[in-house]
Amino acid sequence: MFTPTLFKTTLAALLCSTMLVSNANAWSEHSLITFPILNTMPEVADQAPIKVETLAEFVTAEAQGLEKLLASNENWLRENFAYYKPRPDALAFNASDTALLQSFIHAIRINPNSRINPYVQLLPGQDKQGRRRLDAAEVAVFSNLDHYNAITFVEVKSGEMVTPIEVLVSANDDPDHGLDIGLFEDSNTEFGKMYGFGNQAFGNPALEYSTQAPFHMGFYYESSVLFTLAPFLRDTFPDYRVHMYKALSEYAFSTGHDYWGWRFMGWGMHYVGDIAQSYHSTLQPGVSTASSLWTNAKDMMGYPQAKIDAIQLLSNRHLVLEEFQEIITKQAYENNDFSSALFKALTKETAVVEYTDNTFVEVFAKNSYDKSDKLADYLERWVPEQLVSDPSFEVDGSKEIDMIVEMIREQHGEEGITQMTNLLAEFMSDHNANTRSFVRAILTHKP
């Protein structure tokens, strides 16, 4: 028998699949695709070095102002975001609290175990300049740190001088290091039980990395039928995160705390980058609402294979896109060759919209959603069938995924590589424009 609970269970499984792969982000290492944008923005690249400051130092110095800012921001969110999950009043930041840093972390509802000490994430080939290389566990919270061990993080201390672009490039990856992990009532964490986000609407709360999914994915343009049958699709929070970090960044700049102005900006930029990728703005790219409903109906009638296949294909395609982007991006850095269409899309000065409180959803997410069918079509046409159209094949952990570029070239020649690179360039062009819009909006508040 059809019930809303059964529908939620089967449809949620599809969403869960997008976060089941070992480290499925929207983009692999945001820093690699954000640096080219920032480096061609004089208002960022030409800024003088700034003094490093710990979060505790910032919060202590600005306790009174932050109390007012966060209270005002909370009221605004409650009045303007229809599906916002209000922060419990007991977690309001209190400038008189003896544990100010903890009070602030609880007020902005991030993982208290996050590694938020200052650091710099280096680009491939970048020199450490005598700084101590940090262990991955000093930067990320996850139990499996294999992915992070391949990235070079170096220590910087309070009072040291760093460039704003170093702060931005590093902070841009912070939300994937653990800020949004374990924040739900069923996350089996003490802070998740008090943060007010309810139970995790989709993704698997038992899987560590999956718990960040509703903060990094935003579904705003699915059909009204899906939203009616599956209202939990509304329980996504990237727009809330972007608005909050933008407000904190502007406040930090206005009060002379430039390090945290840039770092909060970088945190907000992460979600701006995520939403530019169709697997983070669209339930099932390339799959119609009718097909999605039929898949779920068959599952509820006792024929689950269609759902199982859909989950596998969604997971495989998500990982294929991410892996292709990572390989060609890292190759460019290693070969010092940034002549591809992808990097031209990232470095061109492009027209941008004026950023408002509605831009994230109405422009950034909409553009991403509108490209979802084309993304699915290109994956089917230019990537070997085994990787994107064979539900019996598990891409994650396979030797084939590491050879994806060679496999595309073998089957489709250079045209296949060119077509996939040009597709990525379209997404990168949006990422470029979105980033410039967001950054410039904040910098208008910088004295």
Protein backbone atom coordinates (compact mmCIF):
# COMPACT_ATOMS: atom_id res chain seq x y z
CA MET A 1 0.00 0.00 0.00
CA PHE A 2 1.24 3.52 -0.85
CA THR A 3 2.09 5.64 2.16
CA PRO A 4 4.06 8.87 2.53
CA THR A 5 6.46 7.07 4.84
CA LEU A 6 7.26 4.44 2.21
CA PHE A 7 7.69 7.12 -0.43
CA LYS A 8 10.08 9.02 1.80
CA THR A 9 12.08 5.87 2.49
CA THR A 10 12.56 4.97 -1.16
CA LEU A 11 13.14 8.47 -2.48
CA ALA A 12 15.53 9.29 0.36
CA ALA A 13 17.61 6.30 -0.67
CA LEU A 14 18.34 8.03 -3.97
CA LEU A 15 19.56 11.12 -2.17
CA CYS A 16 21.61 8.99 0.18
CA SER A 17 23.43 7.49 -2.80
CA THR A 18 24.89 10.83 -3.82
CA MET A 19 26.88 10.91 -0.59
CA LEU A 20 27.77 7.23 -0.29
CA VAL A 21 30.97 7.33 -2.30
CA SER A 22 34.11 7.64 -0.22
CA ASN A 23 34.48 11.40 -0.47
CA ALA A 24 31.77 12.72 -2.79
CA ASN A 25 31.96 16.49 -2.86
CA ALA A 26 30.44 18.78 -5.47
CA TRP A 27 33.98 19.45 -6.67
CA SER A 28 37.19 17.75 -5.62
CA GLU A 29 39.31 20.24 -3.66
CA HIS A 30 37.52 23.55 -4.15
CA SER A 31 40.86 25.30 -3.76
CA LEU A 32 42.07 24.04 -7.16
CA ILE A 33 39.24 25.66 -9.07
CA THR A 34 38.82 28.72 -6.86
CA PHE A 35 42.42 29.95 -6.91
CA PRO A 36 42.34 30.77 -10.67
CA ILE A 37 39.24 32.91 -10.10
CA LEU A 38 40.62 34.78 -7.10
CA ASN A 39 44.02 35.25 -8.67
CA THR A 40 42.39 37.22 -11.51
CA MET A 41 40.43 39.46 -9.12
CA PRO A 42 42.66 42.44 -8.22
CA GLU A 43 40.43 43.26 -5.27
CA VAL A 44 41.60 39.95 -3.77
CA ALA A 45 44.97 39.15 -5.34
CA ASP A 46 46.45 42.63 -4.78
CA GLN A 47 45.49 42.90 -1.11
CA ALA A 48 48.33 43.38 1.37
CA PRO A 49 49.12 40.61 3.88
CA ILE A 50 46.98 40.49 7.00
CA LYS A 51 47.57 39.35 10.57
CA VAL A 52 46.37 35.89 11.57
CA GLU A 53 43.87 35.75 14.42
CA THR A 54 42.32 32.76 16.16
CA LEU A 55 38.56 32.42 16.33
CA ALA A 56 38.73 32.70 20.11
CA GLU A 57 40.56 36.02 19.83
CA PHE A 58 37.99 37.37 17.36
CA VAL A 59 35.00 36.24 19.42
CA THR A 60 36.44 37.61 22.65
CA ALA A 61 37.24 40.99 21.11
CA GLU A 62 33.82 41.34 19.47
CA ALA A 63 31.52 39.59 21.94
CA GLN A 64 29.07 42.47 22.38
CA GLY A 65 28.77 43.16 18.67
CA LEU A 66 28.47 39.48 17.77
CA GLU A 67 25.63 39.04 20.26
CA LYS A 68 23.66 41.75 18.47
CA LEU A 69 24.62 40.57 14.99
CA LEU A 70 23.67 36.94 15.55
CA ALA A 71 20.38 37.88 17.21
CA SER A 72 19.51 40.17 14.31
CA ASN A 73 20.53 37.55 11.75
CA GLU A 74 18.44 34.87 13.47
CA ASN A 75 15.37 37.11 13.41
CA TRP A 76 15.92 37.83 9.72
CA LEU A 77 16.24 34.13 8.87
CA ARG A 78 13.05 33.26 10.73
CA GLU A 79 11.13 35.98 8.89
CA ASN A 80 12.53 35.42 5.39
CA PHE A 81 13.46 31.75 4.95
CA ALA A 82 10.21 29.81 4.74
CA TYR A 83 11.76 26.42 5.54
CA TYR A 84 14.39 27.58 8.02
CA LYS A 85 14.97 25.45 11.12
CA PRO A 86 15.18 28.07 13.89
CA ARG A 87 18.14 28.02 16.21
CA PRO A 88 16.93 27.11 19.71
CA ASP A 89 16.74 30.23 21.86
CA ALA A 90 18.88 28.54 24.51
CA LEU A 91 21.79 28.58 22.04
CA ALA A 92 21.73 32.33 21.45
CA PHE A 93 25.23 33.78 21.72
CA ASN A 94 25.73 35.45 25.08
CA ALA A 95 28.48 38.04 25.42
CA SER A 96 28.52 37.44 29.18
CA ASP A 97 29.19 33.73 28.86
CA THR A 98 32.41 32.50 30.45
CA ALA A 99 32.96 30.08 27.56
CA LEU A 100 32.64 32.52 24.66
CA LEU A 101 34.13 30.35 21.94
CA GLN A 102 31.84 27.44 22.76
CA SER A 103 28.84 29.77 22.92
CA PHE A 104 29.69 31.14 19.47
CA ILE A 105 30.15 27.69 17.94
CA HIS A 106 26.82 26.57 19.34
CA ALA A 107 25.12 29.75 18.15
CA ILE A 108 26.23 29.26 14.54
CA ARG A 109 25.57 25.52 14.89
CA ILE A 110 28.76 23.96 13.56
CA ASN A 111 30.55 20.84 14.74
CA PRO A 112 32.38 21.75 18.00
CA ASN A 113 35.09 19.26 17.05
CA SER A 114 35.94 21.13 13.85
CA ARG A 115 39.61 22.00 13.41
CA ILE A 116 39.25 25.76 13.12
CA ASN A 117 42.76 26.79 14.03
CA PRO A 118 44.58 28.90 11.42
CA TYR A 119 46.36 27.03 8.61
CA VAL A 120 47.16 27.34 4.92
CA GLN A 121 46.21 24.70 2.36
CA LEU A 122 48.88 24.64 -0.32
CA LEU A 123 48.30 24.20 -4.02
CA PRO A 124 50.19 21.43 -5.85
CA GLY A 125 53.87 22.35 -6.06
CA GLN A 126 53.58 25.28 -3.66
CA ASP A 127 56.47 25.65 -1.19
CA LYS A 128 55.90 25.26 2.56
CA GLN A 129 58.22 28.26 3.25
CA GLY A 130 59.58 26.57 6.33
CA ARG A 131 56.19 26.09 7.93
CA ARG A 132 55.31 22.85 9.71
CA ARG A 133 53.22 20.44 7.71
CA LEU A 134 50.08 19.56 9.63
CA ASP A 135 48.77 16.05 10.00
CA ALA A 136 45.45 15.59 8.25
CA ALA A 137 43.84 14.96 11.66
CA GLU A 138 44.76 18.53 12.62
CA VAL A 139 42.57 19.84 9.79
CA ALA A 140 39.73 17.35 9.21
CA VAL A 141 37.51 15.44 11.65
CA PHE A 142 36.97 12.24 9.70
CA SER A 143 38.08 8.80 10.77
CA ASN A 144 39.24 7.99 7.22
CA LEU A 145 41.74 10.65 6.17
CA ASP A 146 43.22 9.00 3.07
CA HIS A 147 41.95 11.79 0.83
CA TYR A 148 43.36 14.50 3.09
CA ASN A 149 46.76 12.89 3.44
CA ALA A 150 47.38 13.73 -0.21
CA ILE A 151 46.88 17.45 0.46
CA THR A 152 49.53 19.66 2.06
CA PHE A 153 48.38 21.77 5.00
CA VAL A 154 50.84 24.02 6.85
CA GLU A 155 50.60 25.67 10.23
CA VAL A 156 50.26 29.40 10.73
CA LYS A 157 49.99 31.01 14.15
CA SER A 158 48.26 34.01 15.62
CA GLY A 159 50.16 37.17 14.73
CA GLU A 160 51.77 35.80 11.58
CA MET A 161 51.16 37.51 8.27
CA VAL A 162 49.36 35.76 5.41
CA THR A 163 47.82 36.98 2.18
CA PRO A 164 44.04 37.19 1.84
CA ILE A 165 44.14 34.86 -1.16
CA GLU A 166 45.89 32.21 0.98
CA VAL A 167 43.13 32.53 3.58
CA LEU A 168 40.35 32.34 1.00
CA VAL A 169 41.77 29.39 -0.91
CA SER A 170 42.20 27.46 2.34
CA ALA A 171 38.91 28.44 3.97
CA ASN A 172 37.04 27.57 0.79
CA ASP A 173 37.55 23.87 1.65
CA ASP A 174 36.83 24.19 5.40
CA PRO A 175 33.16 23.10 5.19
CA ASP A 176 34.30 19.79 3.66
CA HIS A 177 36.66 19.23 6.59
CA GLY A 178 33.92 18.76 9.17
CA LEU A 179 31.99 21.95 9.96
CA ASP A 180 28.68 20.30 9.04
CA ILE A 181 29.24 16.79 10.38
CA GLY A 182 26.93 15.23 12.99
CA LEU A 183 24.50 18.13 13.39
CA PHE A 184 21.18 16.23 13.47
CA GLU A 185 19.19 14.69 16.29
CA ASP A 186 19.85 11.20 14.94
CA SER A 187 23.58 11.82 14.37
CA ASN A 188 24.44 10.25 17.71
CA THR A 189 26.18 13.42 18.93
CA GLU A 190 25.34 15.58 21.92
CA PHE A 191 25.46 18.79 19.86
CA GLY A 192 23.22 17.28 17.17
CA LYS A 193 20.54 16.69 19.79
CA MET A 194 20.48 20.36 20.81
CA TYR A 195 21.00 22.19 17.49
CA GLY A 196 17.37 22.11 16.31
CA PHE A 197 17.84 20.70 12.82
CA GLY A 198 15.66 17.67 13.57
CA ASN A 199 16.42 14.23 12.18
CA GLN A 200 18.51 13.98 9.03
CA ALA A 201 16.05 14.13 6.13
CA PHE A 202 18.21 12.21 3.66
CA GLY A 203 21.62 10.65 3.52
CA ASN A 204 22.60 7.96 5.97
CA PRO A 205 23.04 9.27 9.54
CA ALA A 206 25.17 6.22 10.32
CA LEU A 207 27.75 7.22 7.72
CA GLU A 208 30.08 9.91 8.99
CA TYR A 209 30.57 11.88 5.80
CA SER A 210 26.94 11.58 4.71
CA THR A 211 25.70 13.69 7.62
CA GLN A 212 26.81 16.88 5.89
CA ALA A 213 24.68 16.19 2.78
CA PRO A 214 21.67 18.41 3.64
CA PHE A 215 24.00 21.39 4.19
CA HIS A 216 25.78 21.02 0.86
CA MET A 217 22.81 20.18 -1.38
CA GLY A 218 19.82 22.40 -2.08
CA PHE A 219 16.68 21.27 -3.92
CA TYR A 220 14.64 24.31 -4.88
CA TYR A 221 13.32 23.51 -8.36
CA GLU A 222 11.95 19.98 -8.27
CA SER A 223 8.34 19.53 -9.35
CA SER A 224 5.51 20.48 -7.03
CA VAL A 225 4.45 16.82 -7.11
CA LEU A 226 7.74 15.73 -5.58
CA PHE A 227 7.64 18.46 -2.97
CA THR A 228 4.09 17.46 -2.04
CA LEU A 229 4.91 13.77 -1.75
CA ALA A 230 8.35 14.31 -0.24
CA PRO A 231 8.33 17.58 1.76
CA PHE A 232 11.63 16.51 3.36
CA LEU A 233 13.29 17.68 0.13
CA ARG A 234 12.89 21.18 1.59
CA ASP A 235 15.14 20.28 4.53
CA THR A 236 18.34 21.58 2.97
CA PHE A 237 20.48 24.34 4.42
CA PRO A 238 23.16 25.74 2.05
CA ASP A 239 21.27 29.03 1.61
CA TYR A 240 21.20 29.47 5.40
CA ARG A 241 24.91 28.79 5.67
CA VAL A 242 25.75 31.27 2.90
CA HIS A 243 23.63 34.01 4.44
CA MET A 244 25.10 33.52 7.92
CA TYR A 245 28.74 33.43 6.80
CA LYS A 246 28.23 36.46 4.57
CA ALA A 247 26.88 38.41 7.55
CA LEU A 248 29.79 37.30 9.75
CA SER A 249 32.33 38.18 7.05
CA GLU A 250 30.89 41.65 6.58
CA TYR A 251 30.87 42.21 10.34
CA ALA A 252 34.48 41.06 10.71
CA PHE A 253 35.64 43.43 7.97
CA SER A 254 33.66 46.34 9.40
CA THR A 255 35.33 45.90 12.79
CA GLY A 256 38.90 45.52 11.51
CA HIS A 257 39.21 41.74 11.87
CA ASP A 258 40.29 41.12 8.30
CA TYR A 259 41.54 37.57 8.81
CA TRP A 260 38.07 36.44 9.84
CA GLY A 261 36.48 38.63 7.20
CA TRP A 262 38.30 36.61 4.57
CA ARG A 263 37.90 33.28 6.33
CA PHE A 264 34.14 33.57 6.80
CA MET A 265 33.94 34.68 3.18
CA GLY A 266 35.76 31.49 2.20
CA TRP A 267 33.31 29.39 4.20
CA GLY A 268 30.38 30.96 2.37
CA MET A 269 32.11 30.54 -0.99
CA HIS A 270 32.18 26.79 -0.46
CA TYR A 271 28.40 26.47 -0.67
CA VAL A 272 28.32 28.87 -3.62
CA GLY A 273 30.69 26.45 -5.35
CA ASP A 274 28.70 23.37 -4.33
CA ILE A 275 25.41 24.62 -5.72
CA ALA A 276 27.00 25.23 -9.13
CA GLN A 277 27.20 21.43 -9.58
CA SER A 278 23.96 19.82 -10.75
CA TYR A 279 24.25 16.79 -8.47
CA HIS A 280 23.93 19.24 -5.57
CA SER A 281 20.94 21.15 -6.98
CA THR A 282 18.95 18.38 -8.65
CA LEU A 283 17.47 15.19 -7.24
CA GLN A 284 18.21 13.01 -10.29
CA PRO A 285 19.87 14.80 -13.23
CA GLY A 286 18.44 13.56 -16.51
CA VAL A 287 15.55 11.65 -14.89
CA SER A 288 11.99 12.94 -15.25
CA THR A 289 9.62 13.32 -12.33
CA ALA A 290 7.36 10.65 -13.82
CA SER A 291 10.24 8.19 -14.06
CA SER A 292 11.32 8.93 -10.49
CA LEU A 293 7.80 8.36 -9.21
CA TRP A 294 7.47 5.11 -11.15
CA THR A 295 10.77 3.83 -9.75
CA ASN A 296 9.52 4.47 -6.24
CA ALA A 297 6.10 3.00 -6.98
CA LYS A 298 7.64 -0.27 -8.17
CA ASP A 299 9.78 -0.42 -5.05
CA MET A 300 6.70 0.00 -2.88
CA MET A 301 4.95 -2.76 -4.80
CA GLY A 302 7.75 -5.16 -3.94
CA TYR A 303 9.94 -4.77 -7.03
CA PRO A 304 13.02 -2.92 -5.71
CA GLN A 305 15.47 -3.55 -8.56
CA ALA A 306 14.66 -0.32 -10.42
CA LYS A 307 15.41 1.68 -7.27
CA ILE A 308 18.61 -0.26 -6.63
CA ASP A 309 19.74 0.42 -10.21
CA ALA A 310 18.83 4.11 -9.98
CA ILE A 311 20.84 4.50 -6.78
CA GLN A 312 23.89 2.85 -8.31
CA LEU A 313 23.78 4.95 -11.48
CA LEU A 314 23.31 8.18 -9.54
CA SER A 315 26.27 7.38 -7.32
CA ASN A 316 28.45 6.28 -10.27
CA ARG A 317 27.74 9.37 -12.34
CA HIS A 318 28.35 11.74 -9.47
CA LEU A 319 31.72 10.16 -8.79
CA VAL A 320 32.67 10.06 -12.49
CA LEU A 321 32.10 13.80 -12.85
CA GLU A 322 34.09 14.56 -9.72
CA GLU A 323 36.96 12.26 -10.67
CA PHE A 324 37.24 13.60 -14.22
CA GLN A 325 37.38 17.14 -12.85
CA GLU A 326 40.01 16.22 -10.28
CA ILE A 327 42.28 14.44 -12.72
CA ILE A 328 42.35 17.10 -15.41
CA THR A 329 42.63 19.89 -12.84
CA LYS A 330 45.56 18.32 -11.02
CA GLN A 331 47.28 17.50 -14.30
CA ALA A 332 47.12 21.17 -15.23
CA TYR A 333 48.81 22.18 -11.97
CA GLU A 334 51.44 19.46 -12.28
CA ASN A 335 52.24 20.41 -15.88
CA ASN A 336 51.84 24.15 -15.31
CA ASP A 337 49.42 24.14 -18.26
CA PHE A 338 46.33 26.25 -17.78
CA SER A 339 45.41 26.64 -21.43
CA SER A 340 42.34 24.39 -21.41
CA ALA A 341 38.78 25.63 -21.80
CA LEU A 342 38.19 24.78 -18.15
CA PHE A 343 40.79 27.24 -16.88
CA LYS A 344 39.86 29.88 -19.41
CA ALA A 345 36.34 29.69 -18.00
CA LEU A 346 37.71 30.18 -14.49
CA THR A 347 40.00 33.10 -15.25
CA LYS A 348 37.94 35.22 -17.64
CA GLU A 349 36.45 38.46 -16.39
CA THR A 350 32.77 37.75 -16.76
CA ALA A 351 29.53 39.60 -16.25
CA VAL A 352 28.07 38.99 -12.81
CA VAL A 353 24.72 39.65 -11.22
CA GLU A 354 24.45 41.96 -8.25
CA TYR A 355 24.29 39.67 -5.23
CA THR A 356 21.17 39.95 -3.07
CA ASP A 357 19.61 37.76 -0.41
CA ASN A 358 17.77 35.85 -3.16
CA THR A 359 20.64 35.36 -5.60
CA PHE A 360 21.88 32.05 -4.22
CA VAL A 361 18.56 30.31 -4.84
CA GLU A 362 17.09 32.30 -7.73
CA VAL A 363 20.25 32.55 -9.85
CA PHE A 364 23.01 30.18 -8.72
CA ALA A 365 20.83 27.15 -7.92
CA LYS A 366 18.52 27.76 -10.90
CA ASN A 367 21.42 27.88 -13.39
CA SER A 368 22.77 24.64 -11.96
CA TYR A 369 19.40 22.91 -12.09
CA ASP A 370 18.86 24.02 -15.69
CA LYS A 371 22.12 22.33 -16.73
CA SER A 372 21.28 18.99 -15.14
CA ASP A 373 19.75 17.36 -18.22
CA LYS A 374 22.72 18.38 -20.37
CA LEU A 375 25.10 16.98 -17.77
CA ALA A 376 23.34 13.61 -17.81
CA ASP A 377 23.31 13.59 -21.61
CA TYR A 378 27.06 14.29 -21.87
CA LEU A 379 27.91 11.61 -19.33
CA GLU A 380 25.90 9.06 -21.31
CA ARG A 381 27.37 10.13 -24.66
CA TRP A 382 31.04 10.67 -23.84
CA VAL A 383 31.87 8.42 -20.88
CA PRO A 384 32.21 4.64 -21.35
CA GLU A 385 28.91 2.88 -20.72
CA GLN A 386 30.36 0.67 -17.99
CA LEU A 387 31.03 3.72 -15.79
CA VAL A 388 27.76 5.63 -16.19
CA SER A 389 25.08 3.30 -17.61
CA ASP A 390 25.75 -0.11 -16.09
CA PRO A 391 24.02 -0.45 -12.70
CA SER A 392 25.80 -3.75 -12.06
CA PHE A 393 29.16 -1.95 -11.92
CA GLU A 394 30.41 -0.19 -8.79
CA VAL A 395 32.58 2.78 -9.80
CA ASP A 396 33.74 3.69 -6.30
CA GLY A 397 36.99 1.90 -5.53
CA SER A 398 37.36 0.46 -9.03
CA LYS A 399 40.59 0.64 -11.00
CA GLU A 400 38.55 2.00 -13.92
CA ILE A 401 37.72 5.25 -12.16
CA ASP A 402 41.41 6.08 -11.91
CA MET A 403 41.71 5.54 -15.65
CA ILE A 404 38.65 7.52 -16.65
CA VAL A 405 40.50 9.99 -18.87
CA GLU A 406 42.32 7.20 -20.72
CA MET A 407 39.06 5.27 -21.12
CA ILE A 408 37.23 8.26 -22.57
CA ARG A 409 40.13 8.89 -24.96
CA GLU A 410 40.28 5.25 -26.01
CA GLN A 411 36.58 5.09 -26.83
CA HIS A 412 35.94 8.60 -28.18
CA GLY A 413 39.38 9.99 -28.97
CA GLU A 414 40.33 13.57 -28.20
CA GLU A 415 36.81 14.64 -29.09
CA GLY A 416 35.53 12.86 -25.98
CA ILE A 417 38.04 14.64 -23.74
CA THR A 418 37.23 17.96 -25.42
CA GLN A 419 33.49 17.51 -25.07
CA MET A 420 33.70 16.61 -21.37
CA THR A 421 36.16 19.43 -20.70
CA ASN A 422 33.89 21.90 -22.49
CA LEU A 423 30.96 20.71 -20.39
CA LEU A 424 32.96 21.26 -17.22
CA ALA A 425 33.93 24.68 -18.55
CA GLU A 426 30.25 25.63 -18.62
CA PHE A 427 29.94 24.77 -14.93
CA MET A 428 33.20 26.55 -14.19
CA SER A 429 31.98 29.66 -15.98
CA ASP A 430 29.01 29.72 -13.61
CA HIS A 431 31.29 29.03 -10.66
CA ASN A 432 33.47 31.94 -11.76
CA ALA A 433 30.55 34.37 -12.07
CA ASN A 434 28.95 33.19 -8.81
CA THR A 435 32.19 33.56 -6.87
CA ARG A 436 32.90 37.05 -8.19
CA SER A 437 29.35 38.13 -7.39
CA PHE A 438 29.51 36.82 -3.82
CA VAL A 439 33.00 38.15 -3.07
CA ARG A 440 32.31 41.62 -4.44
CA ALA A 441 29.08 41.89 -2.47
CA ILE A 442 30.98 41.32 0.76
CA LEU A 443 33.90 43.59 -0.14
CA THR A 444 31.56 46.56 -0.47
CA HIS A 445 31.43 46.40 3.35
CA LYS A 446 35.20 46.38 3.75
CA PRO A 447 36.54 49.79 4.83
